[in-house]
N, C-alpha and C. Protein backbone atom coordinates (compact mmCIF):
# COMPACT_ATOMS: atom_id res chain seq x y z
N UNK A 1 -196.89 232.93 74.04
CA UNK A 1 -195.60 232.30 73.87
C UNK A 1 -195.75 230.83 74.26
N UNK A 2 -195.28 229.92 73.41
CA UNK A 2 -195.37 228.49 73.67
C UNK A 2 -194.03 228.02 74.20
N UNK A 3 -194.03 227.40 75.37
CA UNK A 3 -192.81 226.87 75.96
C UNK A 3 -192.75 225.38 75.69
N UNK A 4 -191.55 224.87 75.55
CA UNK A 4 -191.38 223.46 75.30
C UNK A 4 -190.39 222.93 76.33
N UNK A 5 -190.79 221.93 77.12
CA UNK A 5 -189.90 221.35 78.12
C UNK A 5 -188.94 220.40 77.43
N UNK A 6 -187.61 220.55 77.69
CA UNK A 6 -186.64 219.72 77.00
C UNK A 6 -186.14 218.56 77.85
N UNK A 7 -186.38 218.57 79.14
CA UNK A 7 -186.03 217.42 79.97
C UNK A 7 -186.86 217.46 81.24
N UNK A 8 -186.64 216.51 82.13
CA UNK A 8 -187.48 216.42 83.31
C UNK A 8 -187.06 217.40 84.40
N UNK A 9 -185.95 218.08 84.21
CA UNK A 9 -185.50 219.09 85.15
C UNK A 9 -186.19 220.40 84.77
N UNK A 10 -185.86 221.48 85.43
CA UNK A 10 -186.58 222.73 85.18
C UNK A 10 -185.98 223.54 84.04
N UNK A 11 -185.62 222.90 82.93
CA UNK A 11 -185.10 223.62 81.78
C UNK A 11 -186.17 223.72 80.71
N UNK A 12 -186.39 224.92 80.23
CA UNK A 12 -187.40 225.18 79.22
C UNK A 12 -186.75 225.86 78.04
N UNK A 13 -187.25 225.59 76.87
CA UNK A 13 -186.78 226.27 75.67
C UNK A 13 -187.76 227.39 75.36
N UNK A 14 -187.26 228.59 75.35
CA UNK A 14 -188.09 229.74 75.02
C UNK A 14 -187.92 230.04 73.54
N UNK A 15 -189.01 230.31 72.85
CA UNK A 15 -188.85 230.68 71.44
C UNK A 15 -188.14 232.02 71.36
N UNK A 16 -187.35 232.24 70.29
CA UNK A 16 -186.63 233.51 70.18
C UNK A 16 -187.60 234.69 70.22
N UNK A 17 -187.24 235.68 71.02
CA UNK A 17 -188.08 236.86 71.14
C UNK A 17 -187.82 237.76 69.93
N UNK A 18 -188.88 238.27 69.33
CA UNK A 18 -188.73 239.17 68.20
C UNK A 18 -189.12 240.58 68.64
N UNK A 19 -188.11 241.40 68.79
CA UNK A 19 -188.37 242.78 69.17
C UNK A 19 -188.81 243.60 67.96
N UNK A 20 -188.30 243.23 66.80
CA UNK A 20 -188.58 243.97 65.59
C UNK A 20 -188.99 242.98 64.51
N UNK A 21 -189.92 243.38 63.68
CA UNK A 21 -190.31 242.54 62.56
C UNK A 21 -189.44 242.88 61.36
N UNK A 22 -189.14 241.89 60.55
CA UNK A 22 -188.35 242.12 59.36
C UNK A 22 -188.88 241.24 58.24
N UNK A 23 -188.50 241.55 57.00
CA UNK A 23 -189.04 240.80 55.87
C UNK A 23 -188.78 239.31 56.00
N UNK A 24 -189.80 238.47 55.77
CA UNK A 24 -189.64 237.02 55.93
C UNK A 24 -188.56 236.44 55.03
N UNK A 25 -188.40 236.97 53.82
CA UNK A 25 -187.37 236.43 52.92
C UNK A 25 -185.99 236.60 53.55
N UNK A 26 -185.73 237.76 54.10
CA UNK A 26 -184.45 238.02 54.76
C UNK A 26 -184.33 237.16 56.01
N UNK A 27 -185.38 237.08 56.77
CA UNK A 27 -185.41 236.31 58.00
C UNK A 27 -185.06 234.84 57.74
N UNK A 28 -185.68 234.27 56.70
CA UNK A 28 -185.46 232.87 56.38
C UNK A 28 -184.01 232.61 55.98
N UNK A 29 -183.44 233.49 55.17
CA UNK A 29 -182.05 233.32 54.74
C UNK A 29 -181.08 233.44 55.91
N UNK A 30 -181.31 234.41 56.78
CA UNK A 30 -180.43 234.58 57.94
C UNK A 30 -180.55 233.38 58.86
N UNK A 31 -181.76 232.89 59.06
CA UNK A 31 -181.97 231.71 59.90
C UNK A 31 -181.26 230.50 59.32
N UNK A 32 -181.36 230.31 58.02
CA UNK A 32 -180.70 229.18 57.36
C UNK A 32 -179.18 229.32 57.47
N UNK A 33 -178.68 230.55 57.33
CA UNK A 33 -177.24 230.81 57.42
C UNK A 33 -176.71 230.49 58.82
N UNK A 34 -177.55 230.74 59.81
CA UNK A 34 -177.18 230.54 61.20
C UNK A 34 -176.94 229.07 61.53
N UNK A 35 -177.58 228.18 60.78
CA UNK A 35 -177.54 226.75 61.11
C UNK A 35 -176.68 225.92 60.17
N UNK A 36 -175.71 226.54 59.51
CA UNK A 36 -174.83 225.77 58.64
C UNK A 36 -173.37 226.18 58.86
N UNK A 37 -172.49 225.22 58.61
CA UNK A 37 -171.05 225.48 58.67
C UNK A 37 -170.39 225.25 57.31
N UNK A 38 -171.18 224.78 56.34
CA UNK A 38 -170.67 224.48 55.01
C UNK A 38 -170.30 225.77 54.28
N UNK A 39 -169.00 225.96 53.95
CA UNK A 39 -168.57 227.21 53.30
C UNK A 39 -169.28 227.49 51.98
N UNK A 40 -169.55 226.45 51.19
CA UNK A 40 -170.22 226.66 49.90
C UNK A 40 -171.65 227.13 50.12
N UNK A 41 -172.35 226.52 51.07
CA UNK A 41 -173.72 226.93 51.35
C UNK A 41 -173.75 228.35 51.93
N UNK A 42 -172.77 228.67 52.79
CA UNK A 42 -172.68 230.02 53.34
C UNK A 42 -172.50 231.05 52.22
N UNK A 43 -171.64 230.74 51.28
CA UNK A 43 -171.40 231.66 50.16
C UNK A 43 -172.68 231.82 49.33
N UNK A 44 -173.38 230.72 49.09
CA UNK A 44 -174.62 230.80 48.31
C UNK A 44 -175.68 231.62 49.05
N UNK A 45 -175.78 231.42 50.36
CA UNK A 45 -176.75 232.18 51.15
C UNK A 45 -176.39 233.66 51.17
N UNK A 46 -175.09 233.96 51.29
CA UNK A 46 -174.65 235.36 51.28
C UNK A 46 -175.03 236.02 49.96
N UNK A 47 -174.80 235.33 48.86
CA UNK A 47 -175.13 235.93 47.56
C UNK A 47 -176.64 236.09 47.40
N UNK A 48 -177.44 235.19 47.97
CA UNK A 48 -178.90 235.32 47.91
C UNK A 48 -179.37 236.52 48.75
N UNK A 49 -178.71 236.74 49.89
CA UNK A 49 -179.06 237.90 50.73
C UNK A 49 -178.74 239.19 49.97
N UNK A 50 -177.58 239.23 49.31
CA UNK A 50 -177.18 240.41 48.55
C UNK A 50 -178.14 240.65 47.38
N UNK A 51 -178.62 239.56 46.77
CA UNK A 51 -179.46 239.68 45.58
C UNK A 51 -180.94 239.88 45.90
N UNK A 52 -181.30 239.91 47.17
CA UNK A 52 -182.71 240.08 47.53
C UNK A 52 -183.28 241.32 46.86
N UNK A 53 -184.44 241.17 46.28
CA UNK A 53 -185.08 242.28 45.58
C UNK A 53 -185.94 243.07 46.56
N UNK A 54 -185.35 244.05 47.15
CA UNK A 54 -186.08 244.98 48.02
C UNK A 54 -185.31 246.28 48.04
N UNK A 55 -185.96 247.32 48.42
CA UNK A 55 -185.31 248.62 48.46
C UNK A 55 -184.17 248.66 49.47
N UNK A 56 -183.20 249.52 49.23
CA UNK A 56 -182.06 249.64 50.12
C UNK A 56 -182.49 249.96 51.55
N UNK A 57 -183.42 250.90 51.70
CA UNK A 57 -183.88 251.26 53.04
C UNK A 57 -184.54 250.06 53.73
N UNK A 58 -185.35 249.31 52.98
CA UNK A 58 -186.02 248.15 53.56
C UNK A 58 -184.99 247.08 53.95
N UNK A 59 -183.98 246.88 53.10
CA UNK A 59 -182.95 245.87 53.38
C UNK A 59 -182.14 246.28 54.62
N UNK A 60 -181.72 247.53 54.69
CA UNK A 60 -180.94 248.00 55.84
C UNK A 60 -181.79 247.91 57.10
N UNK A 61 -183.03 248.33 57.03
CA UNK A 61 -183.93 248.27 58.18
C UNK A 61 -184.12 246.82 58.64
N UNK A 62 -184.31 245.93 57.67
CA UNK A 62 -184.48 244.52 57.99
C UNK A 62 -183.25 243.93 58.65
N UNK A 63 -182.09 244.25 58.12
CA UNK A 63 -180.84 243.74 58.70
C UNK A 63 -180.63 244.30 60.10
N UNK A 64 -180.93 245.58 60.30
CA UNK A 64 -180.82 246.17 61.64
C UNK A 64 -181.75 245.45 62.62
N UNK A 65 -182.96 245.09 62.16
CA UNK A 65 -183.90 244.36 63.01
C UNK A 65 -183.33 242.99 63.38
N UNK A 66 -182.71 242.32 62.41
CA UNK A 66 -182.10 241.01 62.68
C UNK A 66 -180.98 241.16 63.70
N UNK A 67 -180.13 242.17 63.53
CA UNK A 67 -179.02 242.40 64.46
C UNK A 67 -179.55 242.61 65.88
N UNK A 68 -180.60 243.42 66.02
CA UNK A 68 -181.16 243.68 67.35
C UNK A 68 -181.78 242.42 67.94
N UNK A 69 -182.47 241.63 67.12
CA UNK A 69 -183.04 240.38 67.62
C UNK A 69 -181.96 239.41 68.06
N UNK A 70 -180.91 239.28 67.26
CA UNK A 70 -179.81 238.36 67.61
C UNK A 70 -179.10 238.85 68.87
N UNK A 71 -178.94 240.15 69.00
CA UNK A 71 -178.31 240.70 70.21
C UNK A 71 -179.15 240.38 71.44
N UNK A 72 -180.46 240.46 71.30
CA UNK A 72 -181.36 240.10 72.40
C UNK A 72 -181.23 238.62 72.74
N UNK A 73 -181.14 237.79 71.70
CA UNK A 73 -180.95 236.35 71.93
C UNK A 73 -179.64 236.08 72.66
N UNK A 74 -178.60 236.82 72.31
CA UNK A 74 -177.30 236.65 72.97
C UNK A 74 -177.42 236.98 74.46
N UNK A 75 -178.16 238.03 74.79
CA UNK A 75 -178.37 238.39 76.20
C UNK A 75 -179.08 237.27 76.94
N UNK A 76 -180.08 236.65 76.29
CA UNK A 76 -180.79 235.54 76.92
C UNK A 76 -179.87 234.35 77.11
N UNK A 77 -179.03 234.05 76.13
CA UNK A 77 -178.09 232.94 76.25
C UNK A 77 -177.09 233.21 77.37
N UNK A 78 -176.60 234.45 77.46
CA UNK A 78 -175.67 234.81 78.54
C UNK A 78 -176.32 234.60 79.91
N UNK A 79 -177.58 234.98 80.04
CA UNK A 79 -178.28 234.80 81.31
C UNK A 79 -178.43 233.31 81.63
N UNK A 80 -178.72 232.51 80.62
CA UNK A 80 -178.86 231.06 80.84
C UNK A 80 -177.51 230.43 81.20
N UNK A 81 -176.44 230.89 80.56
CA UNK A 81 -175.10 230.39 80.89
C UNK A 81 -174.78 230.71 82.34
N UNK A 82 -175.08 231.94 82.76
CA UNK A 82 -174.83 232.35 84.15
C UNK A 82 -175.62 231.47 85.11
N UNK A 83 -176.90 231.21 84.78
CA UNK A 83 -177.74 230.36 85.63
C UNK A 83 -177.17 228.95 85.72
N UNK A 84 -176.73 228.40 84.59
CA UNK A 84 -176.19 227.05 84.58
C UNK A 84 -174.85 226.96 85.32
N UNK A 85 -174.02 228.02 85.20
CA UNK A 85 -172.75 228.04 85.95
C UNK A 85 -173.02 228.05 87.45
N UNK A 86 -174.01 228.85 87.87
CA UNK A 86 -174.37 228.88 89.29
C UNK A 86 -174.89 227.52 89.74
N UNK A 87 -175.70 226.88 88.92
CA UNK A 87 -176.21 225.55 89.25
C UNK A 87 -175.06 224.55 89.36
N UNK A 88 -174.11 224.62 88.43
CA UNK A 88 -172.95 223.72 88.46
C UNK A 88 -172.14 223.93 89.74
N UNK A 89 -171.90 225.19 90.09
CA UNK A 89 -171.14 225.49 91.32
C UNK A 89 -171.86 224.94 92.54
N UNK A 90 -173.16 225.09 92.58
CA UNK A 90 -173.96 224.58 93.69
C UNK A 90 -173.88 223.07 93.77
N UNK A 91 -174.00 222.40 92.63
CA UNK A 91 -173.92 220.93 92.62
C UNK A 91 -172.53 220.45 93.03
N UNK A 92 -171.49 221.13 92.57
CA UNK A 92 -170.12 220.75 92.95
C UNK A 92 -169.92 220.91 94.46
N UNK A 93 -170.48 221.99 95.03
CA UNK A 93 -170.39 222.20 96.47
C UNK A 93 -171.10 221.09 97.23
N UNK A 94 -172.25 220.68 96.74
CA UNK A 94 -172.99 219.58 97.39
C UNK A 94 -172.19 218.29 97.35
N UNK A 95 -171.60 218.00 96.18
CA UNK A 95 -170.80 216.77 96.05
C UNK A 95 -169.62 216.81 97.01
N UNK A 96 -168.92 217.94 97.08
CA UNK A 96 -167.77 218.05 97.97
C UNK A 96 -168.19 217.89 99.43
N UNK A 97 -169.31 218.50 99.82
CA UNK A 97 -169.77 218.38 101.19
C UNK A 97 -170.14 216.94 101.50
N UNK A 98 -170.83 216.27 100.60
CA UNK A 98 -171.23 214.88 100.82
C UNK A 98 -170.00 213.97 100.94
N UNK A 99 -168.97 214.21 100.12
CA UNK A 99 -167.74 213.42 100.23
C UNK A 99 -167.07 213.68 101.58
N UNK A 100 -167.03 214.95 101.99
CA UNK A 100 -166.45 215.27 103.30
C UNK A 100 -167.23 214.55 104.40
N UNK A 101 -168.56 214.57 104.32
CA UNK A 101 -169.39 213.92 105.33
C UNK A 101 -169.10 212.42 105.37
N UNK A 102 -168.91 211.80 104.21
CA UNK A 102 -168.56 210.38 104.19
C UNK A 102 -167.24 210.12 104.91
N UNK A 103 -166.28 211.04 104.77
CA UNK A 103 -164.99 210.84 105.47
C UNK A 103 -165.15 210.96 106.98
N UNK A 104 -166.18 211.68 107.44
CA UNK A 104 -166.39 211.80 108.89
C UNK A 104 -167.06 210.56 109.47
N UNK A 105 -167.82 209.82 108.65
CA UNK A 105 -168.51 208.63 109.19
C UNK A 105 -167.81 207.33 108.83
N UNK A 106 -166.87 207.36 107.90
CA UNK A 106 -166.10 206.16 107.55
C UNK A 106 -164.64 206.42 107.92
N UNK A 107 -164.18 205.83 109.02
CA UNK A 107 -162.81 206.14 109.47
C UNK A 107 -161.74 205.61 108.50
N UNK A 108 -160.61 206.33 108.45
CA UNK A 108 -159.47 205.93 107.63
C UNK A 108 -158.81 204.75 108.29
N UNK A 109 -158.34 203.75 107.68
CA UNK A 109 -158.32 203.35 106.27
C UNK A 109 -159.40 202.31 105.95
N UNK A 110 -160.58 202.46 106.43
CA UNK A 110 -161.66 201.50 106.21
C UNK A 110 -162.06 201.39 104.75
N UNK A 111 -162.74 200.30 104.45
CA UNK A 111 -163.37 200.11 103.14
C UNK A 111 -164.83 199.78 103.39
N UNK A 112 -165.66 200.10 102.43
CA UNK A 112 -167.09 199.83 102.56
C UNK A 112 -167.63 199.47 101.19
N UNK A 113 -168.52 198.49 101.14
CA UNK A 113 -169.15 198.11 99.87
C UNK A 113 -170.55 197.59 100.16
N UNK A 114 -171.46 198.01 99.28
CA UNK A 114 -172.81 197.50 99.36
C UNK A 114 -173.46 197.71 97.99
N UNK A 115 -173.93 196.64 97.39
CA UNK A 115 -174.54 196.75 96.06
C UNK A 115 -173.54 197.28 95.05
N UNK A 116 -173.89 198.34 94.35
CA UNK A 116 -173.00 198.91 93.33
C UNK A 116 -172.08 199.99 93.88
N UNK A 117 -172.21 200.32 95.16
CA UNK A 117 -171.41 201.40 95.75
C UNK A 117 -170.21 200.84 96.50
N UNK A 118 -169.07 201.48 96.31
CA UNK A 118 -167.84 201.07 96.98
C UNK A 118 -167.12 202.32 97.46
N UNK A 119 -166.63 202.28 98.69
CA UNK A 119 -165.83 203.37 99.24
C UNK A 119 -164.51 202.81 99.73
N UNK A 120 -163.44 203.54 99.45
CA UNK A 120 -162.12 203.19 99.97
C UNK A 120 -161.27 204.45 99.93
N UNK A 121 -160.19 204.42 100.66
CA UNK A 121 -159.26 205.56 100.67
C UNK A 121 -158.06 205.21 99.82
N UNK A 122 -157.47 206.22 99.23
CA UNK A 122 -156.20 206.04 98.52
C UNK A 122 -155.28 207.17 98.95
N UNK A 123 -154.00 206.88 98.93
CA UNK A 123 -153.02 207.89 99.32
C UNK A 123 -152.67 208.75 98.10
N UNK A 124 -152.40 210.03 98.36
CA UNK A 124 -151.95 210.93 97.30
C UNK A 124 -151.05 211.98 97.92
N UNK A 125 -150.30 212.66 97.06
CA UNK A 125 -149.41 213.72 97.52
C UNK A 125 -149.85 215.04 96.90
N UNK A 126 -149.80 216.08 97.69
CA UNK A 126 -150.06 217.42 97.19
C UNK A 126 -148.91 218.32 97.62
N UNK A 127 -148.45 219.15 96.70
CA UNK A 127 -147.34 220.05 96.99
C UNK A 127 -147.86 221.32 97.63
N UNK A 128 -147.36 221.66 98.79
CA UNK A 128 -147.71 222.90 99.46
C UNK A 128 -146.46 223.76 99.53
N UNK A 129 -146.59 225.03 99.14
CA UNK A 129 -145.45 225.94 99.09
C UNK A 129 -145.69 227.15 99.97
N UNK A 130 -144.60 227.66 100.53
CA UNK A 130 -144.63 228.99 101.14
C UNK A 130 -143.96 229.89 100.10
N UNK A 131 -144.77 230.60 99.33
CA UNK A 131 -144.24 231.35 98.19
C UNK A 131 -143.27 232.45 98.60
N UNK A 132 -143.41 232.97 99.80
CA UNK A 132 -142.49 234.02 100.25
C UNK A 132 -141.09 233.48 100.48
N UNK A 133 -140.97 232.21 100.83
CA UNK A 133 -139.66 231.61 101.11
C UNK A 133 -139.08 230.89 99.89
N UNK A 134 -139.84 230.75 98.80
CA UNK A 134 -139.37 230.03 97.62
C UNK A 134 -138.29 230.83 96.91
N UNK A 135 -137.08 230.24 96.71
CA UNK A 135 -136.01 230.96 96.04
C UNK A 135 -136.34 231.23 94.56
N UNK A 136 -135.66 232.22 93.96
CA UNK A 136 -135.91 232.62 92.58
C UNK A 136 -135.69 231.49 91.58
N UNK A 137 -134.77 230.59 91.86
CA UNK A 137 -134.49 229.51 90.91
C UNK A 137 -135.69 228.58 90.71
N UNK A 138 -136.64 228.60 91.63
CA UNK A 138 -137.84 227.77 91.51
C UNK A 138 -139.07 228.58 91.09
N UNK A 139 -138.86 229.76 90.57
CA UNK A 139 -139.97 230.61 90.14
C UNK A 139 -139.89 230.83 88.64
N UNK A 140 -141.04 231.03 88.04
CA UNK A 140 -141.06 231.44 86.64
C UNK A 140 -141.41 232.92 86.63
N UNK A 141 -140.74 233.64 85.78
CA UNK A 141 -140.93 235.08 85.73
C UNK A 141 -141.55 235.44 84.38
N UNK A 142 -142.62 236.20 84.42
CA UNK A 142 -143.26 236.69 83.20
C UNK A 142 -143.09 238.20 83.15
N UNK A 143 -142.88 238.70 81.95
CA UNK A 143 -142.77 240.12 81.75
C UNK A 143 -143.90 240.57 80.82
N UNK A 144 -145.07 240.88 81.39
CA UNK A 144 -146.17 241.31 80.53
C UNK A 144 -145.90 242.69 79.94
N UNK A 145 -146.46 242.92 78.77
CA UNK A 145 -146.30 244.20 78.10
C UNK A 145 -147.19 245.23 78.78
N UNK A 146 -146.62 246.38 79.09
CA UNK A 146 -147.37 247.47 79.68
C UNK A 146 -147.94 248.31 78.53
N UNK A 147 -149.16 247.95 78.10
CA UNK A 147 -149.76 248.61 76.94
C UNK A 147 -149.99 250.10 77.18
N UNK A 148 -150.27 250.48 78.40
CA UNK A 148 -150.50 251.89 78.70
C UNK A 148 -149.22 252.70 78.46
N UNK A 149 -148.06 252.16 78.87
CA UNK A 149 -146.80 252.85 78.65
C UNK A 149 -146.48 252.94 77.15
N UNK A 150 -146.80 251.87 76.40
CA UNK A 150 -146.58 251.88 74.96
C UNK A 150 -147.47 252.94 74.30
N UNK A 151 -148.74 253.03 74.72
CA UNK A 151 -149.66 254.04 74.18
C UNK A 151 -149.13 255.45 74.45
N UNK A 152 -148.68 255.67 75.69
CA UNK A 152 -148.16 256.99 76.05
C UNK A 152 -146.94 257.35 75.20
N UNK A 153 -146.07 256.37 74.95
CA UNK A 153 -144.87 256.62 74.14
C UNK A 153 -145.27 256.96 72.70
N UNK A 154 -146.21 256.19 72.13
CA UNK A 154 -146.66 256.47 70.76
C UNK A 154 -147.36 257.82 70.68
N UNK A 155 -148.20 258.14 71.68
CA UNK A 155 -148.89 259.43 71.70
C UNK A 155 -147.91 260.58 71.85
N UNK A 156 -146.78 260.33 72.50
CA UNK A 156 -145.76 261.36 72.71
C UNK A 156 -144.87 261.56 71.50
N UNK A 157 -145.09 260.77 70.43
CA UNK A 157 -144.31 260.96 69.21
C UNK A 157 -143.20 259.96 69.02
N UNK A 158 -143.04 259.00 69.92
CA UNK A 158 -141.98 258.01 69.78
C UNK A 158 -142.30 257.06 68.62
N UNK A 159 -141.24 256.59 67.97
CA UNK A 159 -141.38 255.60 66.91
C UNK A 159 -140.90 254.27 67.47
N UNK A 160 -141.82 253.33 67.55
CA UNK A 160 -141.47 252.01 68.09
C UNK A 160 -141.62 250.98 66.98
N UNK A 161 -140.58 250.15 66.78
CA UNK A 161 -140.65 249.17 65.69
C UNK A 161 -141.52 247.97 66.03
N UNK A 162 -141.93 247.84 67.26
CA UNK A 162 -142.74 246.69 67.66
C UNK A 162 -144.20 247.05 67.90
N UNK A 163 -144.58 248.33 67.75
CA UNK A 163 -145.95 248.73 68.02
C UNK A 163 -146.36 249.90 67.14
N UNK A 164 -147.61 249.89 66.74
CA UNK A 164 -148.19 250.99 65.98
C UNK A 164 -149.71 250.93 66.13
N UNK A 165 -150.36 252.02 65.82
CA UNK A 165 -151.82 252.06 65.88
C UNK A 165 -152.42 251.51 64.60
N UNK A 166 -153.52 250.79 64.73
CA UNK A 166 -154.29 250.31 63.60
C UNK A 166 -155.69 250.88 63.76
N UNK A 167 -156.19 251.52 62.70
CA UNK A 167 -157.52 252.11 62.78
C UNK A 167 -158.56 251.10 62.34
N UNK A 168 -159.60 250.95 63.15
CA UNK A 168 -160.70 250.05 62.84
C UNK A 168 -161.97 250.85 62.65
N UNK A 169 -162.90 250.29 61.91
CA UNK A 169 -164.23 250.89 61.78
C UNK A 169 -165.21 249.92 62.43
N UNK A 170 -165.88 250.36 63.46
CA UNK A 170 -166.82 249.53 64.17
C UNK A 170 -168.23 250.06 63.97
N UNK A 171 -169.09 249.21 63.41
CA UNK A 171 -170.46 249.61 63.14
C UNK A 171 -171.29 249.47 64.41
N UNK A 172 -172.06 250.47 64.72
CA UNK A 172 -172.96 250.42 65.88
C UNK A 172 -174.39 250.38 65.38
N UNK A 173 -175.17 249.41 65.86
CA UNK A 173 -176.56 249.32 65.49
C UNK A 173 -177.37 249.67 66.73
N UNK A 174 -178.14 250.73 66.65
CA UNK A 174 -178.92 251.17 67.81
C UNK A 174 -180.38 251.20 67.45
């Protein structure tokens, strides 16, 4: 596996992992489809995928392989997103701590400047509430739909003009 460094930090681009092999013609079309937003080109690529000259079993098998590979890629992207969110949270915590530390060594209302760095204090207001003592006139009330109660009513034979079941077909690729 060849890794490619994309910046000076510890971020690496991993080539997509291929768990299953599939016909190159199908692979190329799916890859091209993945990288376009043009509706006309998407339609042309879709029709080329449909018109591919291969047996039905080979086409279905190839498409299943693509689905599994893309699902694997999604898992890798999710893991990278989680890693980056954790890194962001850590960096934000460091910034907040450093700002707090500056407030402990620079007394209020001092100012400080050196080179391109400047520190000063500004006044601001923040609203603090005791929610238990807040009267109803200052509250917003939401009435969320209790979907479980609606399901029970429909299952019990009730006819509701605002709710009904819709049947979906969900394909599972294993």
